[in-house]
Amino acid sequence: MTSDPTRGADEATWRNRFILLNLTRIGGTVVVLIGLAIWHSDWLRQGGAVEIGLPLALVGLVVSFAGPKWLSRKWSSGRR
């Protein structure tokens, strides 16, 4: 156990940030998979729904790749 109370807070902050980065990646991937399923399956209509599935998959890709970069830049600049 550490005797420095600020070190525990720093470790908790970094752990929470790590978890948030991974949840952002996982969430973006889930959105991509849902978009692909809507696009190529019969969930919404027969033959798939390109108008809904394609934009949803693209949004998921942007969130999955750009979201963690945006969060890390936000944290490194000191803004909250």
N, C-alpha and C. Protein backbone atom coordinates (compact mmCIF):
# COMPACT_ATOMS: atom_id res chain seq x y z
N MET A 1 0.84 -1.17 0.00
CA MET A 1 0.00 0.00 0.00
C MET A 1 0.88 1.23 0.00
N THR A 2 0.43 2.26 -0.61
CA THR A 2 1.21 3.49 -0.69
C THR A 2 0.88 4.39 0.48
N SER A 3 1.89 5.14 0.94
CA SER A 3 1.67 6.07 2.04
C SER A 3 1.26 7.45 1.54
N ASP A 4 1.49 7.72 0.27
CA ASP A 4 1.16 9.02 -0.32
C ASP A 4 -0.29 9.00 -0.82
N PRO A 5 -1.18 9.80 -0.23
CA PRO A 5 -2.59 9.75 -0.65
C PRO A 5 -2.82 10.27 -2.07
N THR A 6 -1.96 11.18 -2.56
CA THR A 6 -2.15 11.68 -3.92
C THR A 6 -1.79 10.63 -4.96
N ARG A 7 -0.90 9.73 -4.62
CA ARG A 7 -0.53 8.68 -5.58
C ARG A 7 -1.71 7.75 -5.85
N GLY A 8 -2.47 7.43 -4.82
CA GLY A 8 -3.66 6.60 -5.00
C GLY A 8 -4.68 7.27 -5.89
N ALA A 9 -4.83 8.58 -5.73
CA ALA A 9 -5.77 9.33 -6.57
C ALA A 9 -5.29 9.36 -8.01
N ASP A 10 -3.97 9.53 -8.21
CA ASP A 10 -3.42 9.52 -9.56
C ASP A 10 -3.61 8.17 -10.23
N GLU A 11 -3.39 7.11 -9.50
CA GLU A 11 -3.58 5.77 -10.06
C GLU A 11 -5.04 5.53 -10.41
N ALA A 12 -5.94 6.00 -9.57
CA ALA A 12 -7.37 5.84 -9.86
C ALA A 12 -7.76 6.66 -11.10
N THR A 13 -7.20 7.85 -11.22
CA THR A 13 -7.49 8.68 -12.40
C THR A 13 -7.03 8.00 -13.66
N TRP A 14 -5.79 7.49 -13.65
CA TRP A 14 -5.27 6.83 -14.85
C TRP A 14 -6.01 5.55 -15.15
N ARG A 15 -6.41 4.80 -14.13
CA ARG A 15 -7.19 3.58 -14.35
C ARG A 15 -8.53 3.91 -14.99
N ASN A 16 -9.19 4.95 -14.47
CA ASN A 16 -10.48 5.35 -15.02
C ASN A 16 -10.35 5.84 -16.47
N ARG A 17 -9.27 6.57 -16.76
CA ARG A 17 -9.05 7.02 -18.13
C ARG A 17 -8.80 5.84 -19.06
N PHE A 18 -8.03 4.87 -18.61
CA PHE A 18 -7.76 3.67 -19.41
C PHE A 18 -9.07 2.93 -19.71
N ILE A 19 -9.91 2.80 -18.70
CA ILE A 19 -11.19 2.13 -18.88
C ILE A 19 -12.06 2.90 -19.86
N LEU A 20 -12.08 4.23 -19.75
CA LEU A 20 -12.90 5.05 -20.65
C LEU A 20 -12.41 4.96 -22.09
N LEU A 21 -11.09 4.95 -22.29
CA LEU A 21 -10.55 4.79 -23.65
C LEU A 21 -10.99 3.46 -24.26
N ASN A 22 -10.89 2.40 -23.48
CA ASN A 22 -11.28 1.10 -24.01
C ASN A 22 -12.78 0.98 -24.23
N LEU A 23 -13.58 1.58 -23.35
CA LEU A 23 -15.03 1.57 -23.57
C LEU A 23 -15.41 2.36 -24.81
N THR A 24 -14.66 3.43 -25.10
CA THR A 24 -14.91 4.19 -26.33
C THR A 24 -14.63 3.33 -27.55
N ARG A 25 -13.52 2.62 -27.54
CA ARG A 25 -13.19 1.73 -28.67
C ARG A 25 -14.21 0.61 -28.82
N ILE A 26 -14.58 0.00 -27.70
CA ILE A 26 -15.54 -1.10 -27.74
C ILE A 26 -16.91 -0.60 -28.20
N GLY A 27 -17.33 0.55 -27.69
CA GLY A 27 -18.62 1.12 -28.08
C GLY A 27 -18.67 1.45 -29.56
N GLY A 28 -17.59 2.03 -30.08
CA GLY A 28 -17.53 2.31 -31.51
C GLY A 28 -17.60 1.05 -32.34
N THR A 29 -16.93 0.00 -31.88
CA THR A 29 -16.96 -1.27 -32.60
C THR A 29 -18.35 -1.89 -32.58
N VAL A 30 -19.04 -1.79 -31.46
CA VAL A 30 -20.41 -2.31 -31.37
C VAL A 30 -21.33 -1.54 -32.32
N VAL A 31 -21.16 -0.23 -32.40
CA VAL A 31 -21.99 0.57 -33.32
C VAL A 31 -21.70 0.18 -34.77
N VAL A 32 -20.43 -0.08 -35.10
CA VAL A 32 -20.09 -0.53 -36.46
C VAL A 32 -20.78 -1.86 -36.75
N LEU A 33 -20.73 -2.79 -35.82
CA LEU A 33 -21.34 -4.10 -36.04
C LEU A 33 -22.86 -3.99 -36.18
N ILE A 34 -23.48 -3.14 -35.39
CA ILE A 34 -24.93 -2.94 -35.52
C ILE A 34 -25.26 -2.31 -36.87
N GLY A 35 -24.45 -1.33 -37.28
CA GLY A 35 -24.66 -0.71 -38.59
C GLY A 35 -24.52 -1.70 -39.73
N LEU A 36 -23.50 -2.56 -39.64
CA LEU A 36 -23.33 -3.59 -40.67
C LEU A 36 -24.48 -4.60 -40.68
N ALA A 37 -24.95 -4.95 -39.49
CA ALA A 37 -26.08 -5.88 -39.41
C ALA A 37 -27.34 -5.27 -40.00
N ILE A 38 -27.58 -4.00 -39.74
CA ILE A 38 -28.75 -3.33 -40.33
C ILE A 38 -28.59 -3.22 -41.84
N TRP A 39 -27.38 -2.93 -42.28
CA TRP A 39 -27.11 -2.74 -43.70
C TRP A 39 -27.30 -4.03 -44.49
N HIS A 40 -26.82 -5.15 -43.95
CA HIS A 40 -26.78 -6.40 -44.72
C HIS A 40 -27.82 -7.45 -44.32
N SER A 41 -28.62 -7.18 -43.33
CA SER A 41 -29.59 -8.19 -42.92
C SER A 41 -31.01 -7.67 -43.11
N ASP A 42 -31.95 -8.45 -42.69
CA ASP A 42 -33.36 -8.09 -42.84
C ASP A 42 -33.96 -7.56 -41.54
N TRP A 43 -33.16 -6.94 -40.71
CA TRP A 43 -33.67 -6.43 -39.43
C TRP A 43 -34.73 -5.36 -39.61
N LEU A 44 -34.47 -4.38 -40.45
CA LEU A 44 -35.42 -3.29 -40.62
C LEU A 44 -36.33 -3.47 -41.83
N ARG A 45 -35.76 -4.01 -42.90
CA ARG A 45 -36.58 -4.29 -44.08
C ARG A 45 -35.91 -5.37 -44.91
N GLN A 46 -36.66 -5.95 -45.80
CA GLN A 46 -36.16 -7.02 -46.65
C GLN A 46 -35.03 -6.50 -47.54
N GLY A 47 -33.89 -7.18 -47.52
CA GLY A 47 -32.77 -6.81 -48.36
C GLY A 47 -31.79 -5.84 -47.72
N GLY A 48 -32.08 -5.41 -46.51
CA GLY A 48 -31.17 -4.51 -45.81
C GLY A 48 -31.53 -3.05 -46.00
N ALA A 49 -30.99 -2.23 -45.11
CA ALA A 49 -31.27 -0.79 -45.15
C ALA A 49 -29.96 -0.04 -45.24
N VAL A 50 -29.52 0.22 -46.46
CA VAL A 50 -28.24 0.90 -46.69
C VAL A 50 -28.29 2.32 -46.14
N GLU A 51 -29.43 2.99 -46.25
CA GLU A 51 -29.56 4.39 -45.84
C GLU A 51 -29.32 4.58 -44.34
N ILE A 52 -29.58 3.56 -43.55
CA ILE A 52 -29.39 3.64 -42.10
C ILE A 52 -28.09 2.95 -41.69
N GLY A 53 -27.83 1.80 -42.25
CA GLY A 53 -26.68 1.00 -41.84
C GLY A 53 -25.34 1.59 -42.18
N LEU A 54 -25.19 2.13 -43.38
CA LEU A 54 -23.91 2.70 -43.80
C LEU A 54 -23.51 3.91 -42.96
N PRO A 55 -24.38 4.92 -42.78
CA PRO A 55 -23.97 6.04 -41.92
C PRO A 55 -23.69 5.62 -40.48
N LEU A 56 -24.46 4.68 -39.97
CA LEU A 56 -24.25 4.20 -38.61
C LEU A 56 -22.89 3.53 -38.48
N ALA A 57 -22.53 2.71 -39.46
CA ALA A 57 -21.22 2.06 -39.43
C ALA A 57 -20.09 3.07 -39.54
N LEU A 58 -20.26 4.09 -40.36
CA LEU A 58 -19.23 5.12 -40.50
C LEU A 58 -19.07 5.94 -39.22
N VAL A 59 -20.17 6.25 -38.57
CA VAL A 59 -20.10 6.98 -37.29
C VAL A 59 -19.38 6.12 -36.25
N GLY A 60 -19.67 4.84 -36.22
CA GLY A 60 -18.99 3.94 -35.29
C GLY A 60 -17.50 3.88 -35.55
N LEU A 61 -17.10 3.88 -36.82
CA LEU A 61 -15.67 3.89 -37.15
C LEU A 61 -14.99 5.16 -36.67
N VAL A 62 -15.64 6.29 -36.89
CA VAL A 62 -15.07 7.56 -36.45
C VAL A 62 -14.92 7.59 -34.92
N VAL A 63 -15.94 7.14 -34.22
CA VAL A 63 -15.88 7.12 -32.76
C VAL A 63 -14.81 6.16 -32.28
N SER A 64 -14.71 5.01 -32.91
CA SER A 64 -13.75 3.99 -32.49
C SER A 64 -12.31 4.45 -32.67
N PHE A 65 -12.02 5.18 -33.76
CA PHE A 65 -10.64 5.59 -34.02
C PHE A 65 -10.33 7.00 -33.50
N ALA A 66 -11.25 7.94 -33.67
CA ALA A 66 -10.95 9.32 -33.29
C ALA A 66 -11.32 9.63 -31.84
N GLY A 67 -12.24 8.89 -31.27
CA GLY A 67 -12.66 9.15 -29.90
C GLY A 67 -11.54 9.05 -28.88
N PRO A 68 -10.76 7.96 -28.86
CA PRO A 68 -9.65 7.88 -27.91
C PRO A 68 -8.59 8.95 -28.12
N LYS A 69 -8.32 9.31 -29.37
CA LYS A 69 -7.35 10.38 -29.63
C LYS A 69 -7.86 11.71 -29.10
N TRP A 70 -9.14 11.98 -29.31
CA TRP A 70 -9.72 13.21 -28.81
C TRP A 70 -9.67 13.26 -27.28
N LEU A 71 -10.01 12.15 -26.64
CA LEU A 71 -9.97 12.11 -25.18
C LEU A 71 -8.56 12.32 -24.65
N SER A 72 -7.58 11.68 -25.25
CA SER A 72 -6.21 11.82 -24.76
C SER A 72 -5.70 13.25 -24.96
N ARG A 73 -6.06 13.89 -26.07
CA ARG A 73 -5.68 15.29 -26.27
C ARG A 73 -6.38 16.20 -25.24
N LYS A 74 -7.61 15.89 -24.95
CA LYS A 74 -8.35 16.69 -23.97
C LYS A 74 -7.70 16.57 -22.60
N TRP A 75 -7.30 15.37 -22.23
CA TRP A 75 -6.68 15.16 -20.92
C TRP A 75 -5.28 15.75 -20.86
N SER A 76 -4.52 15.70 -21.94
CA SER A 76 -3.15 16.21 -21.90
C SER A 76 -3.12 17.74 -21.90
N SER A 77 -4.16 18.37 -22.41
CA SER A 77 -4.18 19.84 -22.43
C SER A 77 -4.63 20.41 -21.09
N GLY A 78 -5.15 19.58 -20.21
CA GLY A 78 -5.54 20.04 -18.89
C GLY A 78 -6.97 20.52 -18.79
N ARG A 79 -7.71 20.52 -19.90
CA ARG A 79 -9.12 20.92 -19.86
C ARG A 79 -9.94 19.79 -19.27
N ARG A 80 -11.02 20.16 -18.59
CA ARG A 80 -11.89 19.14 -18.04
C ARG A 80 -13.33 19.46 -18.27
